[in-house]
Amino acid sequence: MLNVTVYPDASSLLDTENDGVTFDSIDYVSLVNNQTYGPPALIAPSPARNGGGQKRATPGERVLYLNTNLIPAFEIVRTSD
């Protein structure tokens, strides 16, 4: 499991009063941006790519998509395997 905290800007990482927004119990994080194309990774990979060993989320698993064009800073902490 992962805990992901998203910060509004890089300087807020040093600001103890700004905790950011935290998402708990995330199974996968997928980084996307304006150059990401095709079906969403982990949720709907194409059968050809999935057969190539790409990991796919199973029912009940949580995938957090972070648009790196919009989120300047984030922190990911693994809490368990």
Protein backbone atom coordinates (compact mmCIF):
# COMPACT_ATOMS: atom_id res chain seq x y z
CA MET A 1 0.00 0.00 0.00
CA LEU A 2 1.02 3.57 -0.66
CA ASN A 3 0.18 6.89 0.93
CA VAL A 4 0.46 9.79 -1.53
CA THR A 5 0.60 13.44 -0.50
CA VAL A 6 0.14 16.10 -3.18
CA TYR A 7 1.53 19.59 -2.57
CA PRO A 8 0.47 22.80 -4.34
CA ASP A 9 4.09 23.88 -4.89
CA ALA A 10 7.60 22.78 -4.02
CA SER A 11 8.02 25.35 -1.22
CA SER A 12 5.04 23.88 0.64
CA LEU A 13 7.14 20.78 1.32
CA LEU A 14 9.04 22.88 3.86
CA ASP A 15 5.94 24.56 5.31
CA THR A 16 4.86 22.65 8.42
CA GLU A 17 1.42 24.30 8.34
CA ASN A 18 0.66 23.03 4.81
CA ASP A 19 0.22 19.26 4.93
CA GLY A 20 -0.94 18.98 1.32
CA VAL A 21 -3.69 16.56 0.33
CA THR A 22 -3.10 12.94 1.31
CA PHE A 23 -4.54 9.87 -0.38
CA ASP A 24 -4.29 6.74 1.80
CA SER A 25 -4.24 3.05 0.88
CA ILE A 26 -3.34 3.45 -2.79
CA ASP A 27 -2.21 0.31 -4.63
CA TYR A 28 -0.66 2.00 -7.69
CA VAL A 29 0.38 5.48 -8.79
CA SER A 30 0.38 6.34 -12.49
CA LEU A 31 2.10 9.51 -13.67
CA VAL A 32 0.40 11.13 -16.65
CA ASN A 33 0.84 14.40 -18.56
CA ASN A 34 -0.21 16.02 -21.83
CA GLN A 35 1.96 13.54 -23.75
CA THR A 36 0.21 10.46 -22.32
CA TYR A 37 -1.94 8.68 -24.90
CA GLY A 38 -4.03 5.52 -25.11
CA PRO A 39 -6.09 3.63 -22.56
CA PRO A 40 -5.32 4.41 -18.92
CA ALA A 41 -2.41 2.34 -17.65
CA LEU A 42 -3.24 -0.24 -14.98
CA ILE A 43 -7.01 0.13 -15.41
CA ALA A 44 -7.51 -0.63 -19.09
CA PRO A 45 -4.28 -1.68 -20.78
CA SER A 46 -4.73 -3.07 -24.26
CA PRO A 47 -4.63 -6.88 -24.44
CA ALA A 48 -1.42 -6.79 -26.50
CA ARG A 49 0.39 -4.70 -23.91
CA ASN A 50 -1.07 -6.65 -20.98
CA GLY A 51 0.19 -9.90 -22.52
CA GLY A 52 3.65 -8.35 -22.57
CA GLY A 53 3.91 -8.52 -18.79
CA GLN A 54 2.38 -5.14 -17.94
CA LYS A 55 0.83 -5.10 -14.47
CA ARG A 56 -2.92 -4.58 -14.35
CA ALA A 57 -4.97 -3.52 -11.36
CA THR A 58 -7.48 -6.10 -10.18
CA PRO A 59 -11.01 -5.34 -8.93
CA GLY A 60 -10.91 -3.43 -5.65
CA GLU A 61 -7.38 -2.07 -6.12
CA ARG A 62 -6.97 1.71 -6.12
CA VAL A 63 -4.99 3.56 -8.78
CA LEU A 64 -4.15 7.23 -8.30
CA TYR A 65 -3.37 9.16 -11.48
CA LEU A 66 -1.16 12.23 -11.02
CA ASN A 67 -1.00 14.74 -13.84
CA THR A 68 2.59 15.96 -13.61
CA ASN A 69 1.71 19.10 -15.61
CA LEU A 70 -0.61 20.22 -12.81
CA ILE A 71 1.07 18.88 -9.67
CA PRO A 72 4.51 20.37 -9.00
CA ALA A 73 5.36 18.24 -5.96
CA PHE A 74 4.20 14.98 -4.41
CA GLU A 75 5.45 12.44 -1.90
CA ILE A 76 4.84 8.69 -2.01
CA VAL A 77 5.38 6.51 1.07
CA ARG A 78 5.14 2.72 0.90
CA THR A 79 3.28 1.58 4.01
CA SER A 80 3.17 -2.16 3.22
CA ASP A 81 3.82 -4.69 0.44
